[in-house]
Amino acid sequence: MAKLNVEVFADGADIEEMKAAYKNKQVDGFTTNPSLMAKAGVTDYKAFAEEAVKEIPDASISFEVFADDLETMEKEAAILKQYGENVFVKIPIVNTKGESTIPLIKKTFS
């Protein structure tokens, strides 16, 4: 079997836990989503994202758009992409109305 290249990502939105995991080199990167952010009590998404990128400048961080309509998703994705080269944007495959976001994903990431 070929050698696998495995990376470990922490999934959550507790900024203090993220900073500790980064400092201790416990993971290769971080990912979060709106549900995890709500559970962690994050009320200011922009401030959270800015702090995460500041505190974790050279590890992969994935943020998911909050919007449900395609136009706003596109705007949010553009904003998130600007936070840094280590930032990756997640867009769900469908919104809550069942609309496919594939055209948006292709447009945003082409």
PDB file of N, CA and C in Angstrom:
ATOM      1  N   MET A   1       0.845  -1.178   0.000  1.00  0.00           N
ATOM      2  CA  MET A   1       0.000   0.000   0.000  1.00  0.00           C
ATOM      3  C   MET A   1       0.888   1.238   0.000  1.00  0.00           C
ATOM      4  N   ALA A   2       0.497   2.220  -0.783  1.00  0.00           N
ATOM      5  CA  ALA A   2       1.283   3.451  -0.872  1.00  0.00           C
ATOM      6  C   ALA A   2       1.269   4.178   0.468  1.00  0.00           C
ATOM      7  N   LYS A   3       2.340   4.894   0.721  1.00  0.00           N
ATOM      8  CA  LYS A   3       2.423   5.668   1.957  1.00  0.00           C
ATOM      9  C   LYS A   3       1.368   6.774   1.932  1.00  0.00           C
ATOM     10  N   LEU A   4       0.588   6.849   2.987  1.00  0.00           N
ATOM     11  CA  LEU A   4      -0.468   7.846   3.073  1.00  0.00           C
ATOM     12  C   LEU A   4       0.054   9.132   3.700  1.00  0.00           C
ATOM     13  N   ASN A   5      -0.387  10.239   3.167  1.00  0.00           N
ATOM     14  CA  ASN A   5      -0.061  11.542   3.730  1.00  0.00           C
ATOM     15  C   ASN A   5      -1.275  11.994   4.532  1.00  0.00           C
ATOM     16  N   VAL A   6      -1.211  11.870   5.831  1.00  0.00           N
ATOM     17  CA  VAL A   6      -2.350  12.157   6.694  1.00  0.00           C
ATOM     18  C   VAL A   6      -2.101  13.441   7.474  1.00  0.00           C
ATOM     19  N   GLU A   7      -3.110  14.291   7.493  1.00  0.00           N
ATOM     20  CA  GLU A   7      -3.065  15.491   8.313  1.00  0.00           C
ATOM     21  C   GLU A   7      -4.223  15.435   9.298  1.00  0.00           C
ATOM     22  N   VAL A   8      -4.014  15.988  10.481  1.00  0.00           N
ATOM     23  CA  VAL A   8      -5.037  15.988  11.524  1.00  0.00           C
ATOM     24  C   VAL A   8      -5.534  17.419  11.716  1.00  0.00           C
ATOM     25  N   PHE A   9      -6.861  17.577  11.663  1.00  0.00           N
ATOM     26  CA  PHE A   9      -7.474  18.886  11.835  1.00  0.00           C
ATOM     27  C   PHE A   9      -8.377  18.878  13.062  1.00  0.00           C
ATOM     28  N   ALA A  10      -8.302  19.927  13.851  1.00  0.00           N
ATOM     29  CA  ALA A  10      -9.197  20.093  14.995  1.00  0.00           C
ATOM     30  C   ALA A  10     -10.485  20.735  14.494  1.00  0.00           C
ATOM     31  N   ASP A  11     -11.604  20.217  14.952  1.00  0.00           N
ATOM     32  CA  ASP A  11     -12.916  20.701  14.534  1.00  0.00           C
ATOM     33  C   ASP A  11     -13.597  21.340  15.736  1.00  0.00           C
ATOM     34  N   GLY A  12     -13.700  22.653  15.736  1.00  0.00           N
ATOM     35  CA  GLY A  12     -14.306  23.340  16.863  1.00  0.00           C
ATOM     36  C   GLY A  12     -14.207  24.841  16.701  1.00  0.00           C
ATOM     37  N   ALA A  13     -14.634  25.567  17.731  1.00  0.00           N
ATOM     38  CA  ALA A  13     -14.601  27.024  17.655  1.00  0.00           C
ATOM     39  C   ALA A  13     -14.233  27.666  18.988  1.00  0.00           C
ATOM     40  N   ASP A  14     -13.567  26.913  19.844  1.00  0.00           N
ATOM     41  CA  ASP A  14     -13.080  27.479  21.098  1.00  0.00           C
ATOM     42  C   ASP A  14     -11.681  28.029  20.824  1.00  0.00           C
ATOM     43  N   ILE A  15     -11.570  29.342  20.747  1.00  0.00           N
ATOM     44  CA  ILE A  15     -10.311  29.961  20.339  1.00  0.00           C
ATOM     45  C   ILE A  15      -9.161  29.609  21.269  1.00  0.00           C
ATOM     46  N   GLU A  16      -9.413  29.475  22.561  1.00  0.00           N
ATOM     47  CA  GLU A  16      -8.337  29.133  23.497  1.00  0.00           C
ATOM     48  C   GLU A  16      -7.841  27.708  23.250  1.00  0.00           C
ATOM     49  N   GLU A  17      -8.746  26.779  22.988  1.00  0.00           N
ATOM     50  CA  GLU A  17      -8.340  25.408  22.661  1.00  0.00           C
ATOM     51  C   GLU A  17      -7.578  25.373  21.343  1.00  0.00           C
ATOM     52  N   MET A  18      -8.009  26.182  20.388  1.00  0.00           N
ATOM     53  CA  MET A  18      -7.316  26.244  19.100  1.00  0.00           C
ATOM     54  C   MET A  18      -5.888  26.758  19.280  1.00  0.00           C
ATOM     55  N   LYS A  19      -5.737  27.826  20.060  1.00  0.00           N
ATOM     56  CA  LYS A  19      -4.404  28.391  20.291  1.00  0.00           C
ATOM     57  C   LYS A  19      -3.500  27.386  20.998  1.00  0.00           C
ATOM     58  N   ALA A  20      -4.039  26.672  21.968  1.00  0.00           N
ATOM     59  CA  ALA A  20      -3.242  25.674  22.695  1.00  0.00           C
ATOM     60  C   ALA A  20      -2.827  24.535  21.772  1.00  0.00           C
ATOM     61  N   ALA A  21      -3.738  24.051  20.948  1.00  0.00           N
ATOM     62  CA  ALA A  21      -3.411  22.962  20.020  1.00  0.00           C
ATOM     63  C   ALA A  21      -2.365  23.411  19.008  1.00  0.00           C
ATOM     64  N   TYR A  22      -2.455  24.659  18.554  1.00  0.00           N
ATOM     65  CA  TYR A  22      -1.473  25.204  17.621  1.00  0.00           C
ATOM     66  C   TYR A  22      -0.106  25.322  18.295  1.00  0.00           C
ATOM     67  N   LYS A  23      -0.092  25.893  19.485  1.00  0.00           N
ATOM     68  CA  LYS A  23       1.161  26.086  20.218  1.00  0.00           C
ATOM     69  C   LYS A  23       1.860  24.756  20.491  1.00  0.00           C
ATOM     70  N   ASN A  24       1.085  23.743  20.839  1.00  0.00           N
ATOM     71  CA  ASN A  24       1.642  22.430  21.174  1.00  0.00           C
ATOM     72  C   ASN A  24       1.834  21.517  19.967  1.00  0.00           C
ATOM     73  N   LYS A  25       1.552  22.038  18.781  1.00  0.00           N
ATOM     74  CA  LYS A  25       1.716  21.276  17.526  1.00  0.00           C
ATOM     75  C   LYS A  25       0.929  19.967  17.546  1.00  0.00           C
ATOM     76  N   GLN A  26      -0.282  20.005  18.131  1.00  0.00           N
ATOM     77  CA  GLN A  26      -1.105  18.806  18.232  1.00  0.00           C
ATOM     78  C   GLN A  26      -1.849  18.487  16.941  1.00  0.00           C
ATOM     79  N   VAL A  27      -2.068  19.495  16.096  1.00  0.00           N
ATOM     80  CA  VAL A  27      -2.822  19.302  14.860  1.00  0.00           C
ATOM     81  C   VAL A  27      -2.146  20.047  13.717  1.00  0.00           C
ATOM     82  N   ASP A  28      -2.561  19.702  12.502  1.00  0.00           N
ATOM     83  CA  ASP A  28      -2.014  20.359  11.314  1.00  0.00           C
ATOM     84  C   ASP A  28      -2.831  21.577  10.891  1.00  0.00           C
ATOM     85  N   GLY A  29      -4.072  21.629  11.341  1.00  0.00           N
ATOM     86  CA  GLY A  29      -4.934  22.731  10.952  1.00  0.00           C
ATOM     87  C   GLY A  29      -6.238  22.698  11.723  1.00  0.00           C
ATOM     88  N   PHE A  30      -7.114  23.629  11.361  1.00  0.00           N
ATOM     89  CA  PHE A  30      -8.363  23.807  12.094  1.00  0.00           C
ATOM     90  C   PHE A  30      -9.516  23.989  11.120  1.00  0.00           C
ATOM     91  N   THR A  31     -10.675  23.531  11.523  1.00  0.00           N
ATOM     92  CA  THR A  31     -11.886  23.727  10.735  1.00  0.00           C
ATOM     93  C   THR A  31     -13.044  23.999  11.679  1.00  0.00           C
ATOM     94  N   THR A  32     -13.963  24.805  11.219  1.00  0.00           N
ATOM     95  CA  THR A  32     -15.130  25.126  12.034  1.00  0.00           C
ATOM     96  C   THR A  32     -16.330  25.324  11.134  1.00  0.00           C
ATOM     97  N   ASN A  33     -17.479  25.491  11.732  1.00  0.00           N
ATOM     98  CA  ASN A  33     -18.704  25.738  10.972  1.00  0.00           C
ATOM     99  C   ASN A  33     -19.667  26.530  11.852  1.00  0.00           C
ATOM    100  N   PRO A  34     -20.743  27.050  11.269  1.00  0.00           N
ATOM    101  CA  PRO A  34     -21.673  27.874  12.051  1.00  0.00           C
ATOM    102  C   PRO A  34     -22.238  27.176  13.287  1.00  0.00           C
ATOM    103  N   SER A  35     -22.536  25.895  13.206  1.00  0.00           N
ATOM    104  CA  SER A  35     -23.086  25.175  14.363  1.00  0.00           C
ATOM    105  C   SER A  35     -22.084  25.120  15.509  1.00  0.00           C
ATOM    106  N   LEU A  36     -20.826  24.818  15.188  1.00  0.00           N
ATOM    107  CA  LEU A  36     -19.793  24.755  16.222  1.00  0.00           C
ATOM    108  C   LEU A  36     -19.530  26.130  16.828  1.00  0.00           C
ATOM    109  N   MET A  37     -19.601  27.155  15.999  1.00  0.00           N
ATOM    110  CA  MET A  37     -19.377  28.506  16.504  1.00  0.00           C
ATOM    111  C   MET A  37     -20.497  28.915  17.458  1.00  0.00           C
ATOM    112  N   ALA A  38     -21.722  28.582  17.108  1.00  0.00           N
ATOM    113  CA  ALA A  38     -22.848  28.891  17.998  1.00  0.00           C
ATOM    114  C   ALA A  38     -22.708  28.139  19.314  1.00  0.00           C
ATOM    115  N   LYS A  39     -22.325  26.875  19.230  1.00  0.00           N
ATOM    116  CA  LYS A  39     -22.149  26.051  20.433  1.00  0.00           C
ATOM    117  C   LYS A  39     -21.054  26.625  21.338  1.00  0.00           C
ATOM    118  N   ALA A  40     -20.012  27.201  20.728  1.00  0.00           N
ATOM    119  CA  ALA A  40     -18.904  27.776  21.495  1.00  0.00           C
ATOM    120  C   ALA A  40     -19.218  29.191  21.986  1.00  0.00           C
ATOM    121  N   GLY A  41     -20.378  29.706  21.621  1.00  0.00           N
ATOM    122  CA  GLY A  41     -20.760  31.036  22.082  1.00  0.00           C
ATOM    123  C   GLY A  41     -20.194  32.179  21.261  1.00  0.00           C
ATOM    124  N   VAL A  42     -19.707  31.893  20.064  1.00  0.00           N
ATOM    125  CA  VAL A  42     -19.171  32.945  19.203  1.00  0.00           C
ATOM    126  C   VAL A  42     -20.338  33.800  18.708  1.00  0.00           C
ATOM    127  N   THR A  43     -20.262  35.095  18.968  1.00  0.00           N
ATOM    128  CA  THR A  43     -21.320  36.006  18.522  1.00  0.00           C
ATOM    129  C   THR A  43     -20.834  36.971  17.450  1.00  0.00           C
ATOM    130  N   ASP A  44     -19.529  37.134  17.339  1.00  0.00           N
ATOM    131  CA  ASP A  44     -18.955  38.023  16.326  1.00  0.00           C
ATOM    132  C   ASP A  44     -18.033  37.192  15.432  1.00  0.00           C
ATOM    133  N   TYR A  45     -18.598  36.712  14.325  1.00  0.00           N
ATOM    134  CA  TYR A  45     -17.869  35.822  13.419  1.00  0.00           C
ATOM    135  C   TYR A  45     -16.613  36.489  12.883  1.00  0.00           C
ATOM    136  N   LYS A  46     -16.726  37.767  12.496  1.00  0.00           N
ATOM    137  CA  LYS A  46     -15.585  38.488  11.941  1.00  0.00           C
ATOM    138  C   LYS A  46     -14.451  38.582  12.959  1.00  0.00           C
ATOM    139  N   ALA A  47     -14.770  38.965  14.178  1.00  0.00           N
ATOM    140  CA  ALA A  47     -13.748  39.077  15.223  1.00  0.00           C
ATOM    141  C   ALA A  47     -13.118  37.720  15.514  1.00  0.00           C
ATOM    142  N   PHE A  48     -13.940  36.668  15.530  1.00  0.00           N
ATOM    143  CA  PHE A  48     -13.421  35.319  15.764  1.00  0.00           C
ATOM    144  C   PHE A  48     -12.441  34.927  14.658  1.00  0.00           C
ATOM    145  N   ALA A  49     -12.833  35.136  13.408  1.00  0.00           N
ATOM    146  CA  ALA A  49     -11.976  34.771  12.279  1.00  0.00           C
ATOM    147  C   ALA A  49     -10.674  35.564  12.301  1.00  0.00           C
ATOM    148  N   GLU A  50     -10.771  36.849  12.569  1.00  0.00           N
ATOM    149  CA  GLU A  50      -9.570  37.687  12.621  1.00  0.00           C
ATOM    150  C   GLU A  50      -8.621  37.235  13.723  1.00  0.00           C
ATOM    151  N   GLU A  51      -9.164  36.926  14.893  1.00  0.00           N
ATOM    152  CA  GLU A  51      -8.313  36.467  15.991  1.00  0.00           C
ATOM    153  C   GLU A  51      -7.684  35.115  15.665  1.00  0.00           C
ATOM    154  N   ALA A  52      -8.458  34.218  15.085  1.00  0.00           N
ATOM    155  CA  ALA A  52      -7.932  32.893  14.742  1.00  0.00           C
ATOM    156  C   ALA A  52      -6.771  33.009  13.763  1.00  0.00           C
ATOM    157  N   VAL A  53      -6.926  33.832  12.741  1.00  0.00           N
ATOM    158  CA  VAL A  53      -5.860  33.992  11.746  1.00  0.00           C
ATOM    159  C   VAL A  53      -4.642  34.677  12.359  1.00  0.00           C
ATOM    160  N   LYS A  54      -4.869  35.632  13.248  1.00  0.00           N
ATOM    161  CA  LYS A  54      -3.754  36.314  13.923  1.00  0.00           C
ATOM    162  C   LYS A  54      -2.982  35.344  14.814  1.00  0.00           C
ATOM    163  N   GLU A  55      -3.695  34.537  15.578  1.00  0.00           N
ATOM    164  CA  GLU A  55      -3.066  33.620  16.528  1.00  0.00           C
ATOM    165  C   GLU A  55      -2.513  32.362  15.862  1.00  0.00           C
ATOM    166  N   ILE A  56      -3.036  32.020  14.695  1.00  0.00           N
ATOM    167  CA  ILE A  56      -2.626  30.802  13.983  1.00  0.00           C
ATOM    168  C   ILE A  56      -2.249  31.215  12.558  1.00  0.00           C
ATOM    169  N   PRO A  57      -1.094  31.858  12.402  1.00  0.00           N
ATOM    170  CA  PRO A  57      -0.761  32.473  11.117  1.00  0.00           C
ATOM    171  C   PRO A  57      -0.283  31.529  10.018  1.00  0.00           C
ATOM    172  N   ASP A  58       0.143  30.332  10.385  1.00  0.00           N
ATOM    173  CA  ASP A  58       0.738  29.477   9.355  1.00  0.00           C
ATOM    174  C   ASP A  58       0.206  28.046   9.351  1.00  0.00           C
ATOM    175  N   ALA A  59      -0.974  27.856   9.902  1.00  0.00           N
ATOM    176  CA  ALA A  59      -1.634  26.551   9.820  1.00  0.00           C
ATOM    177  C   ALA A  59      -2.951  26.754   9.079  1.00  0.00           C
ATOM    178  N   SER A  60      -3.403  25.736   8.424  1.00  0.00           N
ATOM    179  CA  SER A  60      -4.649  25.787   7.673  1.00  0.00           C
ATOM    180  C   SER A  60      -5.838  26.045   8.603  1.00  0.00           C
ATOM    181  N   ILE A  61      -6.691  26.987   8.204  1.00  0.00           N
ATOM    182  CA  ILE A  61      -7.923  27.265   8.944  1.00  0.00           C
ATOM    183  C   ILE A  61      -9.066  27.317   7.934  1.00  0.00           C
ATOM    184  N   SER A  62     -10.094  26.534   8.174  1.00  0.00           N
ATOM    185  CA  SER A  62     -11.263  26.530   7.292  1.00  0.00           C
ATOM    186  C   SER A  62     -12.450  27.166   7.998  1.00  0.00           C
ATOM    187  N   PHE A  63     -13.066  28.128   7.315  1.00  0.00           N
ATOM    188  CA  PHE A  63     -14.278  28.780   7.807  1.00  0.00           C
ATOM    189  C   PHE A  63     -15.402  28.503   6.822  1.00  0.00           C
ATOM    190  N   GLU A  64     -16.599  28.300   7.335  1.00  0.00           N
ATOM    191  CA  GLU A  64     -17.758  28.058   6.470  1.00  0.00           C
ATOM    192  C   GLU A  64     -18.623  29.308   6.405  1.00  0.00           C
ATOM    193  N   VAL A  65     -19.181  29.560   5.232  1.00  0.00           N
ATOM    194  CA  VAL A  65     -20.096  30.688   5.101  1.00  0.00           C
ATOM    195  C   VAL A  65     -21.329  30.454   5.971  1.00  0.00           C
ATOM    196  N   PHE A  66     -21.946  31.546   6.420  1.00  0.00           N
ATOM    197  CA  PHE A  66     -23.145  31.475   7.252  1.00  0.00           C
ATOM    198  C   PHE A  66     -24.419  31.583   6.429  1.00  0.00           C
ATOM    199  N   ALA A  67     -24.353  32.299   5.339  1.00  0.00           N
ATOM    200  CA  ALA A  67     -25.548  32.626   4.560  1.00  0.00           C
ATOM    201  C   ALA A  67     -26.218  31.387   3.989  1.00  0.00           C
ATOM    202  N   ASP A  68     -27.484  31.563   3.639  1.00  0.00           N
ATOM    203  CA  ASP A  68     -28.240  30.478   3.024  1.00  0.00           C
ATOM    204  C   ASP A  68     -28.562  30.778   1.564  1.00  0.00           C
ATOM    205  N   ASP A  69     -28.535  32.066   1.181  1.00  0.00           N
ATOM    206  CA  ASP A  69     -28.788  32.400  -0.223  1.00  0.00           C
ATOM    207  C   ASP A  69     -27.456  32.516  -0.964  1.00  0.00           C
ATOM    208  N   LEU A  70     -27.475  32.149  -2.230  1.00  0.00           N
ATOM    209  CA  LEU A  70     -26.237  32.040  -3.002  1.00  0.00           C
ATOM    210  C   LEU A  70     -25.505  33.371  -3.142  1.00  0.00           C
ATOM    211  N   GLU A  71     -26.234  34.451  -3.323  1.00  0.00           N
ATOM    212  CA  GLU A  71     -25.597  35.757  -3.491  1.00  0.00           C
ATOM    213  C   GLU A  71     -24.807  36.156  -2.243  1.00  0.00           C
ATOM    214  N   THR A  72     -25.398  35.976  -1.083  1.00  0.00           N
ATOM    215  CA  THR A  72     -24.711  36.330   0.163  1.00  0.00           C
ATOM    216  C   THR A  72     -23.582  35.350   0.454  1.00  0.00           C
ATOM    217  N   MET A  73     -23.772  34.078   0.123  1.00  0.00           N
ATOM    218  CA  MET A  73     -22.684  33.102   0.278  1.00  0.00           C
ATOM    219  C   MET A  73     -21.456  33.556  -0.501  1.00  0.00           C
ATOM    220  N   GLU A  74     -21.683  34.017  -1.726  1.00  0.00           N
ATOM    221  CA  GLU A  74     -20.574  34.471  -2.564  1.00  0.00           C
ATOM    222  C   GLU A  74     -19.853  35.657  -1.927  1.00  0.00           C
ATOM    223  N   LYS A  75     -20.610  36.601  -1.388  1.00  0.00           N
ATOM    224  CA  LYS A  75     -20.003  37.766  -0.728  1.00  0.00           C
ATOM    225  C   LYS A  75     -19.206  37.345   0.504  1.00  0.00           C
ATOM    226  N   GLU A  76     -19.783  36.454   1.303  1.00  0.00           N
ATOM    227  CA  GLU A  76     -19.083  35.978   2.502  1.00  0.00           C
ATOM    228  C   GLU A  76     -17.806  35.231   2.128  1.00  0.00           C
ATOM    229  N   ALA A  77     -17.869  34.406   1.100  1.00  0.00           N
ATOM    230  CA  ALA A  77     -16.682  33.655   0.667  1.00  0.00           C
ATOM    231  C   ALA A  77     -15.566  34.607   0.256  1.00  0.00           C
ATOM    232  N   ALA A  78     -15.917  35.669  -0.462  1.00  0.00           N
ATOM    233  CA  ALA A  78     -14.912  36.645  -0.892  1.00  0.00           C
ATOM    234  C   ALA A  78     -14.254  37.314   0.308  1.00  0.00           C
ATOM    235  N   ILE A  79     -15.041  37.637   1.317  1.00  0.00           N
ATOM    236  CA  ILE A  79     -14.490  38.254   2.533  1.00  0.00           C
ATOM    237  C   ILE A  79     -13.570  37.276   3.253  1.00  0.00           C
ATOM    238  N   LEU A  80     -14.034  36.048   3.432  1.00  0.00           N
ATOM    239  CA  LEU A  80     -13.233  35.046   4.152  1.00  0.00           C
ATOM    240  C   LEU A  80     -11.907  34.770   3.448  1.00  0.00           C
ATOM    241  N   LYS A  81     -11.921  34.702   2.122  1.00  0.00           N
ATOM    242  CA  LYS A  81     -10.692  34.422   1.371  1.00  0.00           C
ATOM    243  C   LYS A  81      -9.627  35.477   1.624  1.00  0.00           C
ATOM    244  N   GLN A  82     -10.045  36.690   1.964  1.00  0.00           N
ATOM    245  CA  GLN A  82      -9.103  37.787   2.169  1.00  0.00           C
ATOM    246  C   GLN A  82      -8.376  37.723   3.506  1.00  0.00           C
ATOM    247  N   TYR A  83      -8.802  36.870   4.408  1.00  0.00           N
ATOM    248  CA  TYR A  83      -8.183  36.817   5.738  1.00  0.00           C
ATOM    249  C   TYR A  83      -6.752  36.295   5.713  1.00  0.00           C
ATOM    250  N   GLY A  84      -6.390  35.504   4.736  1.00  0.00           N
ATOM    251  CA  GLY A  84      -5.020  35.027   4.680  1.00  0.00           C
ATOM    252  C   GLY A  84      -4.857  33.848   3.746  1.00  0.00           C
ATOM    253  N   GLU A  85      -3.612  33.599   3.387  1.00  0.00           N
ATOM    254  CA  GLU A  85      -3.319  32.487   2.482  1.00  0.00           C
ATOM    255  C   GLU A  85      -3.568  31.135   3.130  1.00  0.00           C
ATOM    256  N   ASN A  86      -3.611  31.093   4.449  1.00  0.00           N
ATOM    257  CA  ASN A  86      -3.858  29.838   5.160  1.00  0.00           C
ATOM    258  C   ASN A  86      -5.349  29.589   5.388  1.00  0.00           C
ATOM    259  N   VAL A  87      -6.201  30.484   4.882  1.00  0.00           N
ATOM    260  CA  VAL A  87      -7.647  30.363   5.077  1.00  0.00           C
ATOM    261  C   VAL A  87      -8.293  29.657   3.893  1.00  0.00           C
ATOM    262  N   PHE A  88      -9.135  28.689   4.214  1.00  0.00           N
ATOM    263  CA  PHE A  88      -9.908  27.960   3.214  1.00  0.00           C
ATOM    264  C   PHE A  88     -11.385  28.185   3.518  1.00  0.00           C
ATOM    265  N   VAL A  89     -12.180  28.340   2.473  1.00  0.00           N
ATOM    266  CA  VAL A  89     -13.599  28.641   2.623  1.00  0.00           C
ATOM    267  C   VAL A  89     -14.426  27.406   2.302  1.00  0.00           C
ATOM    268  N   LYS A  90     -15.363  27.106   3.190  1.00  0.00           N
ATOM    269  CA  LYS A  90     -16.268  25.976   2.982  1.00  0.00           C
ATOM    270  C   LYS A  90     -17.648  26.509   2.600  1.00  0.00           C
ATOM    271  N   ILE A  91     -18.195  25.929   1.545  1.00  0.00           N
ATOM    272  CA  ILE A  91     -19.549  26.248   1.104  1.00  0.00           C
ATOM    273  C   ILE A  91     -20.309  24.933   1.048  1.00  0.00           C
ATOM    274  N   PRO A  92     -21.471  24.842   1.709  1.00  0.00           N
ATOM    275  CA  PRO A  92     -22.222  23.583   1.659  1.00  0.00           C
ATOM    276  C   PRO A  92     -22.657  23.262   0.225  1.00  0.00           C
ATOM    277  N   ILE A  93     -22.830  22.001  -0.081  1.00  0.00           N
ATOM    278  CA  ILE A  93     -23.209  21.566  -1.429  1.00  0.00           C
ATOM    279  C   ILE A  93     -24.619  22.036  -1.794  1.00  0.00           C
ATOM    280  N   VAL A  94     -25.513  22.080  -0.816  1.00  0.00           N
ATOM    281  CA  VAL A  94     -26.867  22.602  -1.030  1.00  0.00           C
ATOM    282  C   VAL A  94     -27.217  23.525   0.134  1.00  0.00           C
ATOM    283  N   ASN A  95     -28.110  24.470  -0.127  1.00  0.00           N
ATOM    284  CA  ASN A  95     -28.583  25.312   0.972  1.00  0.00           C
ATOM    285  C   ASN A  95     -29.829  24.675   1.582  1.00  0.00           C
ATOM    286  N   THR A  96     -30.430  25.345   2.546  1.00  0.00           N
ATOM    287  CA  THR A  96     -31.583  24.746   3.232  1.00  0.00           C
ATOM    288  C   THR A  96     -32.821  24.653   2.345  1.00  0.00           C
ATOM    289  N   LYS A  97     -32.806  25.333   1.208  1.00  0.00           N
ATOM    290  CA  LYS A  97     -33.918  25.247   0.251  1.00  0.00           C
ATOM    291  C   LYS A  97     -33.710  24.102  -0.741  1.00  0.00           C
ATOM    292  N   GLY A  98     -32.578  23.415  -0.621  1.00  0.00           N
ATOM    293  CA  GLY A  98     -32.274  22.319  -1.534  1.00  0.00           C
ATOM    294  C   GLY A  98     -31.622  22.762  -2.829  1.00  0.00           C
ATOM    295  N   GLU A  99     -31.266  24.045  -2.923  1.00  0.00           N
ATOM    296  CA  GLU A  99     -30.620  24.563  -4.128  1.00  0.00           C
ATOM    297  C   GLU A  99     -29.144  24.152  -4.144  1.00  0.00           C
ATOM    298  N   SER A 100     -28.688  23.681  -5.278  1.00  0.00           N
ATOM    299  CA  SER A 100     -27.286  23.305  -5.423  1.00  0.00           C
ATOM    300  C   SER A 100     -26.406  24.548  -5.417  1.00  0.00           C
ATOM    301  N   THR A 101     -25.287  24.453  -4.730  1.00  0.00           N
ATOM    302  CA  THR A 101     -24.322  25.557  -4.723  1.00  0.00           C
ATOM    303  C   THR A 101     -23.143  25.276  -5.654  1.00  0.00           C
ATOM    304  N   ILE A 102     -23.220  24.194  -6.401  1.00  0.00           N
ATOM    305  CA  ILE A 102     -22.109  23.826  -7.293  1.00  0.00           C
ATOM    306  C   ILE A 102     -21.740  24.968  -8.248  1.00  0.00           C
ATOM    307  N   PRO A 103     -22.704  25.637  -8.900  1.00  0.00           N
ATOM    308  CA  PRO A 103     -22.304  26.758  -9.770  1.00  0.00           C
ATOM    309  C   PRO A 103     -21.543  27.845  -9.012  1.00  0.00           C
ATOM    310  N   LEU A 104     -21.982  28.146  -7.802  1.00  0.00           N
ATOM    311  CA  LEU A 104     -21.296  29.147  -6.982  1.00  0.00           C
ATOM    312  C   LEU A 104     -19.897  28.677  -6.624  1.00  0.00           C
ATOM    313  N   ILE A 105     -19.768  27.429  -6.233  1.00  0.00           N
ATOM    314  CA  ILE A 105     -18.460  26.883  -5.865  1.00  0.00           C
ATOM    315  C   ILE A 105     -17.508  26.970  -7.051  1.00  0.00           C
ATOM    316  N   LYS A 106     -17.977  26.581  -8.222  1.00  0.00           N
ATOM    317  CA  LYS A 106     -17.130  26.649  -9.422  1.00  0.00           C
ATOM    318  C   LYS A 106     -16.732  28.089  -9.725  1.00  0.00           C
ATOM    319  N   LYS A 107     -17.674  29.008  -9.597  1.00  0.00           N
ATOM    320  CA  LYS A 107     -17.399  30.420  -9.877  1.00  0.00           C
ATOM    321  C   LYS A 107     -16.423  31.004  -8.858  1.00  0.00           C
ATOM    322  N   THR A 108     -16.636  30.700  -7.600  1.00  0.00           N
ATOM    323  CA  THR A 108     -15.840  31.276  -6.523  1.00  0.00           C
ATOM    324  C   THR A 108     -14.414  30.743  -6.496  1.00  0.00           C
ATOM    325  N   PHE A 109     -14.241  29.490  -6.851  1.00  0.00           N
ATOM    326  CA  PHE A 109     -12.929  28.864  -6.695  1.00  0.00           C
ATOM    327  C   PHE A 109     -12.260  28.516  -8.010  1.00  0.00           C
ATOM    328  N   SER A 110     -12.686  29.127  -9.101  1.00  0.00           N
ATOM    329  CA  SER A 110     -12.042  28.841 -10.390  1.00  0.00           C
ATOM    330  C   SER A 110     -10.868  29.759 -10.614  1.00  0.00           C
TER     331      SER A 110
END
